[in-house]
PDB file of N, CA and C in Angstrom:
ATOM      1  N   MET A   1     -16.161 -96.705  93.096  1.00  0.00           N
ATOM      2  CA  MET A   1     -17.695 -95.345  93.484  1.00  0.00           C
ATOM      3  C   MET A   1     -18.344 -95.415  92.518  1.00  0.00           C
ATOM      4  N   THR A   2     -19.777 -95.936  93.343  1.00  0.00           N
ATOM      5  CA  THR A   2     -21.141 -95.273  92.668  1.00  0.00           C
ATOM      6  C   THR A   2     -21.259 -93.962  93.027  1.00  0.00           C
ATOM      7  N   ALA A   3     -21.769 -93.502  91.206  1.00  0.00           N
ATOM      8  CA  ALA A   3     -22.257 -92.239  91.147  1.00  0.00           C
ATOM      9  C   ALA A   3     -22.516 -91.462  92.623  1.00  0.00           C
ATOM     10  N   LEU A   4     -23.737 -92.509  93.111  1.00  0.00           N
ATOM     11  CA  LEU A   4     -24.358 -91.452  94.393  1.00  0.00           C
ATOM     12  C   LEU A   4     -23.068 -91.385  95.198  1.00  0.00           C
ATOM     13  N   ASP A   5     -22.752 -92.712  95.410  1.00  0.00           N
ATOM     14  CA  ASP A   5     -21.069 -91.893  96.624  1.00  0.00           C
ATOM     15  C   ASP A   5     -20.777 -90.855  95.783  1.00  0.00           C
ATOM     16  N   GLN A   6     -19.861 -90.260  94.516  1.00  0.00           N
ATOM     17  CA  GLN A   6     -19.491 -89.143  94.225  1.00  0.00           C
ATOM     18  C   GLN A   6     -20.099 -88.224  94.455  1.00  0.00           C
ATOM     19  N   LEU A   7     -21.423 -88.143  94.522  1.00  0.00           N
ATOM     20  CA  LEU A   7     -22.109 -87.234  94.702  1.00  0.00           C
ATOM     21  C   LEU A   7     -22.224 -86.531  96.039  1.00  0.00           C
ATOM     22  N   ASN A   8     -22.063 -87.871  96.605  1.00  0.00           N
ATOM     23  CA  ASN A   8     -22.653 -87.313  98.104  1.00  0.00           C
ATOM     24  C   ASN A   8     -21.419 -86.306  98.563  1.00  0.00           C
ATOM     25  N   THR A   9     -20.208 -86.902  98.087  1.00  0.00           N
ATOM     26  CA  THR A   9     -19.021 -86.749  98.853  1.00  0.00           C
ATOM     27  C   THR A   9     -18.241 -85.130  97.505  1.00  0.00           C
ATOM     28  N   LEU A  10     -19.074 -85.311  97.011  1.00  0.00           N
ATOM     29  CA  LEU A  10     -19.660 -83.944  96.030  1.00  0.00           C
ATOM     30  C   LEU A  10     -20.434 -82.505  96.980  1.00  0.00           C
ATOM     31  N   HIS A  11     -21.451 -83.300  98.158  1.00  0.00           N
ATOM     32  CA  HIS A  11     -22.646 -82.267  98.880  1.00  0.00           C
ATOM     33  C   HIS A  11     -21.945 -82.112  99.651  1.00  0.00           C
ATOM     34  N   ALA A  12     -20.580 -83.152 100.098  1.00  0.00           N
ATOM     35  CA  ALA A  12     -19.973 -82.901 101.820  1.00  0.00           C
ATOM     36  C   ALA A  12     -18.770 -81.616 101.194  1.00  0.00           C
ATOM     37  N   ALA A  13     -18.406 -81.870  99.514  1.00  0.00           N
ATOM     38  CA  ALA A  13     -16.992 -80.966  99.792  1.00  0.00           C
ATOM     39  C   ALA A  13     -18.045 -79.509  99.540  1.00  0.00           C
ATOM     40  N   LEU A  14     -19.502 -79.492  99.054  1.00  0.00           N
ATOM     41  CA  LEU A  14     -19.977 -77.898  99.280  1.00  0.00           C
ATOM     42  C   LEU A  14     -20.019 -77.558 101.012  1.00  0.00           C
ATOM     43  N   GLN A  15     -20.534 -78.119 101.555  1.00  0.00           N
ATOM     44  CA  GLN A  15     -20.322 -78.334 103.080  1.00  0.00           C
ATOM     45  C   GLN A  15     -19.051 -77.703 104.021  1.00  0.00           C
ATOM     46  N   GLN A  16     -18.111 -78.067 102.899  1.00  0.00           N
ATOM     47  CA  GLN A  16     -16.885 -77.278 103.760  1.00  0.00           C
ATOM     48  C   GLN A  16     -16.203 -76.731 102.911  1.00  0.00           C
ATOM     49  N   LEU A  17     -17.157 -75.991 101.912  1.00  0.00           N
ATOM     50  CA  LEU A  17     -16.908 -75.014 101.478  1.00  0.00           C
ATOM     51  C   LEU A  17     -17.909 -73.689 101.740  1.00  0.00           C
ATOM     52  N   ARG A  18     -19.279 -73.905 102.022  1.00  0.00           N
ATOM     53  CA  ARG A  18     -19.159 -73.159 103.322  1.00  0.00           C
ATOM     54  C   ARG A  18     -18.717 -72.618 104.716  1.00  0.00           C
ATOM     55  N   ALA A  19     -18.183 -73.666 105.022  1.00  0.00           N
ATOM     56  CA  ALA A  19     -17.996 -73.506 106.716  1.00  0.00           C
ATOM     57  C   ALA A  19     -16.021 -73.279 105.936  1.00  0.00           C
ATOM     58  N   ASP A  20     -16.124 -72.399 105.030  1.00  0.00           N
ATOM     59  CA  ASP A  20     -14.690 -71.819 104.517  1.00  0.00           C
ATOM     60  C   ASP A  20     -13.561 -73.448 105.679  1.00  0.00           C
ATOM     61  N   ALA A  21     -13.632 -74.295 105.143  1.00  0.00           N
ATOM     62  CA  ALA A  21     -13.061 -75.222 105.584  1.00  0.00           C
ATOM     63  C   ALA A  21     -12.330 -75.924 104.498  1.00  0.00           C
ATOM     64  N   SER A  22     -12.541 -75.134 102.551  1.00  0.00           N
ATOM     65  CA  SER A  22     -11.928 -75.475 101.561  1.00  0.00           C
ATOM     66  C   SER A  22     -12.269 -74.643 101.108  1.00  0.00           C
ATOM     67  N   ASP A  23     -11.474 -74.508 100.084  1.00  0.00           N
ATOM     68  CA  ASP A  23     -10.860 -73.304  98.907  1.00  0.00           C
ATOM     69  C   ASP A  23     -12.098 -73.165  97.357  1.00  0.00           C
ATOM     70  N   VAL A  24     -11.996 -72.119  96.980  1.00  0.00           N
ATOM     71  CA  VAL A  24     -13.245 -72.730  95.932  1.00  0.00           C
ATOM     72  C   VAL A  24     -12.326 -73.673  94.560  1.00  0.00           C
ATOM     73  N   ALA A  25     -11.145 -73.190  94.855  1.00  0.00           N
ATOM     74  CA  ALA A  25     -10.025 -73.932  93.164  1.00  0.00           C
ATOM     75  C   ALA A  25     -10.042 -75.583  94.485  1.00  0.00           C
ATOM     76  N   ALA A  26      -9.885 -76.251  95.167  1.00  0.00           N
ATOM     77  CA  ALA A  26     -10.352 -77.889  95.456  1.00  0.00           C
ATOM     78  C   ALA A  26     -11.340 -78.537  95.110  1.00  0.00           C
ATOM     79  N   PHE A  27     -12.750 -77.336  95.421  1.00  0.00           N
ATOM     80  CA  PHE A  27     -13.796 -77.829  95.804  1.00  0.00           C
ATOM     81  C   PHE A  27     -14.465 -78.452  94.023  1.00  0.00           C
ATOM     82  N   SER A  28     -13.981 -77.353  92.452  1.00  0.00           N
ATOM     83  CA  SER A  28     -13.338 -77.289  91.539  1.00  0.00           C
ATOM     84  C   SER A  28     -12.697 -78.459  90.958  1.00  0.00           C
ATOM     85  N   GLN A  29     -12.314 -78.504  91.269  1.00  0.00           N
ATOM     86  CA  GLN A  29     -11.092 -79.892  91.498  1.00  0.00           C
ATOM     87  C   GLN A  29     -11.689 -81.602  91.298  1.00  0.00           C
ATOM     88  N   LEU A  30     -12.124 -81.392  92.589  1.00  0.00           N
ATOM     89  CA  LEU A  30     -12.530 -82.138  93.342  1.00  0.00           C
ATOM     90  C   LEU A  30     -14.242 -83.224  92.528  1.00  0.00           C
ATOM     91  N   ALA A  31     -14.993 -81.412  91.980  1.00  0.00           N
ATOM     92  CA  ALA A  31     -16.174 -81.490  91.394  1.00  0.00           C
ATOM     93  C   ALA A  31     -15.323 -82.645  89.609  1.00  0.00           C
ATOM     94  N   ALA A  32     -14.248 -82.163  89.094  1.00  0.00           N
ATOM     95  CA  ALA A  32     -14.267 -82.220  87.891  1.00  0.00           C
ATOM     96  C   ALA A  32     -14.054 -83.677  87.615  1.00  0.00           C
ATOM     97  N   ARG A  33     -13.136 -84.805  88.771  1.00  0.00           N
ATOM     98  CA  ARG A  33     -12.858 -85.395  89.145  1.00  0.00           C
ATOM     99  C   ARG A  33     -13.499 -86.697  88.863  1.00  0.00           C
ATOM    100  N   GLN A  34     -15.772 -85.865  89.006  1.00  0.00           N
ATOM    101  CA  GLN A  34     -16.522 -87.368  89.515  1.00  0.00           C
ATOM    102  C   GLN A  34     -16.974 -87.743  88.244  1.00  0.00           C
ATOM    103  N   GLN A  35     -16.157 -88.349  87.324  1.00  0.00           N
ATOM    104  CA  GLN A  35     -16.631 -88.565  86.145  1.00  0.00           C
ATOM    105  C   GLN A  35     -17.937 -89.852  86.209  1.00  0.00           C
ATOM    106  N   THR A  36     -18.047 -90.910  87.608  1.00  0.00           N
ATOM    107  CA  THR A  36     -18.743 -91.652  87.453  1.00  0.00           C
ATOM    108  C   THR A  36     -19.987 -91.361  87.432  1.00  0.00           C
ATOM    109  N   LEU A  37     -19.887 -90.125  88.294  1.00  0.00           N
ATOM    110  CA  LEU A  37     -21.296 -89.707  88.239  1.00  0.00           C
ATOM    111  C   LEU A  37     -21.704 -88.986  86.557  1.00  0.00           C
ATOM    112  N   ALA A  38     -20.634 -87.581  86.817  1.00  0.00           N
ATOM    113  CA  ALA A  38     -21.317 -87.612  85.484  1.00  0.00           C
ATOM    114  C   ALA A  38     -21.271 -88.279  83.980  1.00  0.00           C
ATOM    115  N   ALA A  39     -21.346 -89.738  83.561  1.00  0.00           N
ATOM    116  CA  ALA A  39     -21.891 -90.206  83.200  1.00  0.00           C
ATOM    117  C   ALA A  39     -22.818 -91.254  83.571  1.00  0.00           C
ATOM    118  N   ALA A  40     -23.806 -91.141  84.568  1.00  0.00           N
ATOM    119  CA  ALA A  40     -24.936 -91.631  84.969  1.00  0.00           C
ATOM    120  C   ALA A  40     -25.993 -90.458  84.892  1.00  0.00           C
ATOM    121  N   LEU A  41     -25.368 -89.274  84.735  1.00  0.00           N
ATOM    122  CA  LEU A  41     -26.153 -87.241  84.104  1.00  0.00           C
ATOM    123  C   LEU A  41     -26.921 -87.497  82.519  1.00  0.00           C
ATOM    124  N   PRO A  42     -27.814 -87.113  82.750  1.00  0.00           N
ATOM    125  CA  PRO A  42     -27.603 -86.376  81.303  1.00  0.00           C
ATOM    126  C   PRO A  42     -26.813 -85.556  80.755  1.00  0.00           C
ATOM    127  N   PRO A  43     -26.420 -85.527  79.582  1.00  0.00           N
ATOM    128  CA  PRO A  43     -25.461 -84.245  79.400  1.00  0.00           C
ATOM    129  C   PRO A  43     -25.168 -83.222  79.750  1.00  0.00           C
ATOM    130  N   ARG A  44     -26.438 -82.585  80.268  1.00  0.00           N
ATOM    131  CA  ARG A  44     -27.266 -81.493  79.888  1.00  0.00           C
ATOM    132  C   ARG A  44     -26.526 -81.488  82.252  1.00  0.00           C
ATOM    133  N   PHE A  45     -26.567 -81.668  82.977  1.00  0.00           N
ATOM    134  CA  PHE A  45     -25.663 -81.728  84.131  1.00  0.00           C
ATOM    135  C   PHE A  45     -24.637 -81.141  83.923  1.00  0.00           C
ATOM    136  N   SER A  46     -23.792 -82.359  83.042  1.00  0.00           N
ATOM    137  CA  SER A  46     -22.137 -81.789  82.940  1.00  0.00           C
ATOM    138  C   SER A  46     -22.553 -80.504  83.079  1.00  0.00           C
ATOM    139  N   GLU A  47     -23.176 -79.935  81.468  1.00  0.00           N
ATOM    140  CA  GLU A  47     -23.131 -78.667  81.114  1.00  0.00           C
ATOM    141  C   GLU A  47     -22.943 -77.769  82.245  1.00  0.00           C
ATOM    142  N   VAL A  48     -24.531 -77.975  82.645  1.00  0.00           N
ATOM    143  CA  VAL A  48     -24.746 -76.690  83.591  1.00  0.00           C
ATOM    144  C   VAL A  48     -23.043 -76.084  85.657  1.00  0.00           C
ATOM    145  N   LEU A  49     -23.414 -77.713  85.194  1.00  0.00           N
ATOM    146  CA  LEU A  49     -21.949 -77.214  86.535  1.00  0.00           C
ATOM    147  C   LEU A  49     -20.502 -76.918  85.997  1.00  0.00           C
ATOM    148  N   GLU A  50     -20.334 -77.335  84.911  1.00  0.00           N
ATOM    149  CA  GLU A  50     -19.032 -76.448  84.520  1.00  0.00           C
ATOM    150  C   GLU A  50     -19.459 -74.981  84.762  1.00  0.00           C
ATOM    151  N   GLN A  51     -20.675 -75.302  83.779  1.00  0.00           N
ATOM    152  CA  GLN A  51     -20.691 -73.535  84.439  1.00  0.00           C
ATOM    153  C   GLN A  51     -20.781 -72.712  85.993  1.00  0.00           C
ATOM    154  N   LEU A  52     -21.002 -73.596  86.364  1.00  0.00           N
ATOM    155  CA  LEU A  52     -21.699 -73.078  88.082  1.00  0.00           C
ATOM    156  C   LEU A  52     -20.240 -72.876  88.300  1.00  0.00           C
ATOM    157  N   LEU A  53     -19.343 -74.443  87.963  1.00  0.00           N
ATOM    158  CA  LEU A  53     -17.459 -74.024  88.589  1.00  0.00           C
ATOM    159  C   LEU A  53     -16.978 -72.392  87.958  1.00  0.00           C
ATOM    160  N   ASN A  54     -16.953 -72.422  86.332  1.00  0.00           N
ATOM    161  CA  ASN A  54     -17.304 -71.575  86.051  1.00  0.00           C
ATOM    162  C   ASN A  54     -16.640 -70.281  87.180  1.00  0.00           C
ATOM    163  N   ARG A  55     -18.225 -69.768  86.613  1.00  0.00           N
ATOM    164  CA  ARG A  55     -18.966 -68.517  87.364  1.00  0.00           C
ATOM    165  C   ARG A  55     -18.246 -68.411  89.235  1.00  0.00           C
ATOM    166  N   LEU A  56     -18.396 -69.824  89.770  1.00  0.00           N
ATOM    167  CA  LEU A  56     -17.134 -69.912  91.444  1.00  0.00           C
ATOM    168  C   LEU A  56     -16.299 -69.683  91.264  1.00  0.00           C
ATOM    169  N   GLU A  57     -15.617 -69.951  90.704  1.00  0.00           N
ATOM    170  CA  GLU A  57     -13.756 -70.378  90.379  1.00  0.00           C
ATOM    171  C   GLU A  57     -13.462 -67.837  90.112  1.00  0.00           C
ATOM    172  N   SER A  58     -14.970 -67.633  88.819  1.00  0.00           N
ATOM    173  CA  SER A  58     -14.922 -65.939  88.998  1.00  0.00           C
ATOM    174  C   SER A  58     -14.956 -65.675  89.351  1.00  0.00           C
ATOM    175  N   SER A  59     -15.733 -65.815  90.703  1.00  0.00           N
ATOM    176  CA  SER A  59     -16.222 -65.431  92.042  1.00  0.00           C
ATOM    177  C   SER A  59     -14.695 -65.130  93.627  1.00  0.00           C
ATOM    178  N   ALA A  60     -14.268 -66.671  93.603  1.00  0.00           N
ATOM    179  CA  ALA A  60     -12.986 -65.970  93.756  1.00  0.00           C
ATOM    180  C   ALA A  60     -12.285 -65.572  93.482  1.00  0.00           C
ATOM    181  N   LEU A  61     -12.349 -64.872  92.271  1.00  0.00           N
ATOM    182  CA  LEU A  61     -11.261 -63.217  92.239  1.00  0.00           C
ATOM    183  C   LEU A  61     -10.979 -62.151  93.310  1.00  0.00           C
ATOM    184  N   PHE A  62     -12.979 -62.635  93.380  1.00  0.00           N
ATOM    185  CA  PHE A  62     -13.048 -61.322  94.620  1.00  0.00           C
ATOM    186  C   PHE A  62     -13.036 -61.578  95.703  1.00  0.00           C
ATOM    187  N   THR A  63     -13.366 -60.312  95.806  1.00  0.00           N
ATOM    188  CA  THR A  63     -12.152 -59.714  98.196  1.00  0.00           C
ATOM    189  C   THR A  63     -14.231 -60.050  98.325  1.00  0.00           C
ATOM    190  N   GLU A  64     -15.041 -59.078  98.046  1.00  0.00           N
ATOM    191  CA  GLU A  64     -15.574 -58.793  98.320  1.00  0.00           C
ATOM    192  C   GLU A  64     -17.221 -59.025  97.444  1.00  0.00           C
ATOM    193  N   GLU A  65     -18.199 -59.682  98.336  1.00  0.00           N
ATOM    194  CA  GLU A  65     -20.165 -59.991  97.211  1.00  0.00           C
ATOM    195  C   GLU A  65     -19.340 -58.838  95.571  1.00  0.00           C
ATOM    196  N   SER A  66     -20.704 -59.137  94.842  1.00  0.00           N
ATOM    197  CA  SER A  66     -19.525 -58.569  93.444  1.00  0.00           C
ATOM    198  C   SER A  66     -21.206 -58.924  92.826  1.00  0.00           C
ATOM    199  N   CYS A  67     -22.550 -57.340  92.439  1.00  0.00           N
ATOM    200  CA  CYS A  67     -24.035 -58.419  92.298  1.00  0.00           C
ATOM    201  C   CYS A  67     -24.240 -59.529  91.170  1.00  0.00           C
ATOM    202  N   SER A  68     -22.598 -59.505  89.669  1.00  0.00           N
ATOM    203  CA  SER A  68     -22.512 -60.523  89.850  1.00  0.00           C
ATOM    204  C   SER A  68     -21.670 -62.219  89.258  1.00  0.00           C
ATOM    205  N   PHE A  69     -21.280 -61.821  90.633  1.00  0.00           N
ATOM    206  CA  PHE A  69     -20.666 -62.808  91.297  1.00  0.00           C
ATOM    207  C   PHE A  69     -20.703 -63.203  92.884  1.00  0.00           C
ATOM    208  N   SER A  70     -21.788 -63.286  92.787  1.00  0.00           N
ATOM    209  CA  SER A  70     -22.208 -64.293  94.907  1.00  0.00           C
ATOM    210  C   SER A  70     -21.275 -65.143  94.525  1.00  0.00           C
ATOM    211  N   GLN A  71     -20.843 -65.087  95.337  1.00  0.00           N
ATOM    212  CA  GLN A  71     -20.748 -66.880  96.246  1.00  0.00           C
ATOM    213  C   GLN A  71     -21.278 -67.046  96.636  1.00  0.00           C
ATOM    214  N   GLN A  72     -22.170 -67.280  97.654  1.00  0.00           N
ATOM    215  CA  GLN A  72     -23.531 -66.615  98.048  1.00  0.00           C
ATOM    216  C   GLN A  72     -25.010 -67.559  97.497  1.00  0.00           C
ATOM    217  N   ASP A  73     -25.173 -67.506  95.998  1.00  0.00           N
ATOM    218  CA  ASP A  73     -25.390 -67.548  95.575  1.00  0.00           C
ATOM    219  C   ASP A  73     -25.328 -68.855  94.507  1.00  0.00           C
ATOM    220  N   LEU A  74     -24.222 -68.865  94.371  1.00  0.00           N
ATOM    221  CA  LEU A  74     -22.977 -69.532  93.134  1.00  0.00           C
ATOM    222  C   LEU A  74     -23.465 -70.686  94.169  1.00  0.00           C
ATOM    223  N   MET A  75     -23.273 -71.049  95.413  1.00  0.00           N
ATOM    224  CA  MET A  75     -22.775 -71.985  95.990  1.00  0.00           C
ATOM    225  C   MET A  75     -24.351 -72.537  96.284  1.00  0.00           C
ATOM    226  N   ASP A  76     -25.427 -71.625  96.616  1.00  0.00           N
ATOM    227  CA  ASP A  76     -26.761 -71.628  96.434  1.00  0.00           C
ATOM    228  C   ASP A  76     -27.704 -72.486  95.470  1.00  0.00           C
ATOM    229  N   SER A  77     -27.271 -72.237  94.149  1.00  0.00           N
ATOM    230  CA  SER A  77     -27.255 -73.459  92.731  1.00  0.00           C
ATOM    231  C   SER A  77     -26.424 -73.994  92.798  1.00  0.00           C
ATOM    232  N   LEU A  78     -25.567 -74.590  93.567  1.00  0.00           N
ATOM    233  CA  LEU A  78     -24.265 -75.930  93.977  1.00  0.00           C
ATOM    234  C   LEU A  78     -25.431 -77.221  93.965  1.00  0.00           C
ATOM    235  N   GLN A  79     -26.174 -76.058  95.372  1.00  0.00           N
ATOM    236  CA  GLN A  79     -26.892 -77.595  96.239  1.00  0.00           C
ATOM    237  C   GLN A  79     -28.436 -78.243  95.240  1.00  0.00           C
ATOM    238  N   LEU A  80     -28.738 -76.989  94.455  1.00  0.00           N
ATOM    239  CA  LEU A  80     -29.548 -77.052  93.805  1.00  0.00           C
ATOM    240  C   LEU A  80     -29.429 -77.860  93.089  1.00  0.00           C
ATOM    241  N   TRP A  81     -28.413 -77.889  91.673  1.00  0.00           N
ATOM    242  CA  TRP A  81     -27.575 -78.697  91.483  1.00  0.00           C
ATOM    243  C   TRP A  81     -27.525 -80.116  91.746  1.00  0.00           C
ATOM    244  N   ILE A  82     -26.898 -80.296  93.142  1.00  0.00           N
ATOM    245  CA  ILE A  82     -27.129 -81.671  93.919  1.00  0.00           C
ATOM    246  C   ILE A  82     -28.660 -82.429  94.606  1.00  0.00           C
ATOM    247  N   ASP A  83     -29.243 -81.762  94.587  1.00  0.00           N
ATOM    248  CA  ASP A  83     -30.140 -81.257  94.981  1.00  0.00           C
ATOM    249  C   ASP A  83     -31.433 -82.903  92.887  1.00  0.00           C
ATOM    250  N   LYS A  84     -31.394 -81.983  91.611  1.00  0.00           N
ATOM    251  CA  LYS A  84     -31.604 -81.683  91.190  1.00  0.00           C
ATOM    252  C   LYS A  84     -30.729 -83.640  90.466  1.00  0.00           C
ATOM    253  N   ALA A  85     -29.736 -83.785  90.889  1.00  0.00           N
ATOM    254  CA  ALA A  85     -28.705 -85.166  90.158  1.00  0.00           C
ATOM    255  C   ALA A  85     -29.225 -85.961  91.077  1.00  0.00           C
ATOM    256  N   GLN A  86     -29.650 -86.193  92.353  1.00  0.00           N
ATOM    257  CA  GLN A  86     -29.974 -86.998  93.458  1.00  0.00           C
ATOM    258  C   GLN A  86     -31.423 -87.018  92.935  1.00  0.00           C
ATOM    259  N   LEU A  87     -32.859 -86.944  92.074  1.00  0.00           N
ATOM    260  CA  LEU A  87     -33.605 -86.650  92.121  1.00  0.00           C
ATOM    261  C   LEU A  87     -33.590 -88.074  90.430  1.00  0.00           C
ATOM    262  N   GLN A  88     -32.316 -87.196  89.064  1.00  0.00           N
ATOM    263  CA  GLN A  88     -32.264 -88.046  88.173  1.00  0.00           C
ATOM    264  C   GLN A  88     -31.746 -89.488  88.854  1.00  0.00           C
ATOM    265  N   LEU A  89     -30.885 -89.506  89.290  1.00  0.00           N
ATOM    266  CA  LEU A  89     -30.007 -90.521  89.984  1.00  0.00           C
ATOM    267  C   LEU A  89     -30.917 -91.553  90.112  1.00  0.00           C
ATOM    268  N   GLN A  90     -31.457 -91.331  90.687  1.00  0.00           N
ATOM    269  CA  GLN A  90     -33.054 -92.201  92.091  1.00  0.00           C
ATOM    270  C   GLN A  90     -34.040 -92.818  91.413  1.00  0.00           C
ATOM    271  N   LYS A  91     -34.186 -91.772  89.671  1.00  0.00           N
ATOM    272  CA  LYS A  91     -35.302 -91.840  89.152  1.00  0.00           C
ATOM    273  C   LYS A  91     -34.385 -93.545  87.978  1.00  0.00           C
ATOM    274  N   SER A  92     -33.078 -92.926  87.545  1.00  0.00           N
ATOM    275  CA  SER A  92     -32.274 -94.683  86.578  1.00  0.00           C
ATOM    276  C   SER A  92     -32.315 -95.511  88.054  1.00  0.00           C
TER     277      SER A  92
END
């Protein structure tokens, strides 16, 4: 599987998470398994993704939106990460 394939898989999983067709744990596990994608991107991308996933997993502990752990904001940030990763892959 290519880095772009893995990015597309991650994007589809995020859409499922947004639609409540998946859960945070499954998304995080899937994201962690995308090693080809991680290797194709600069190291900073992995650091940022790990931080976002940690915050998303923490947000799952709350039943309601909290000001510091908005799942919607975190999913928006993950979408932005995906968009930037796609641009980075297109450059290389």
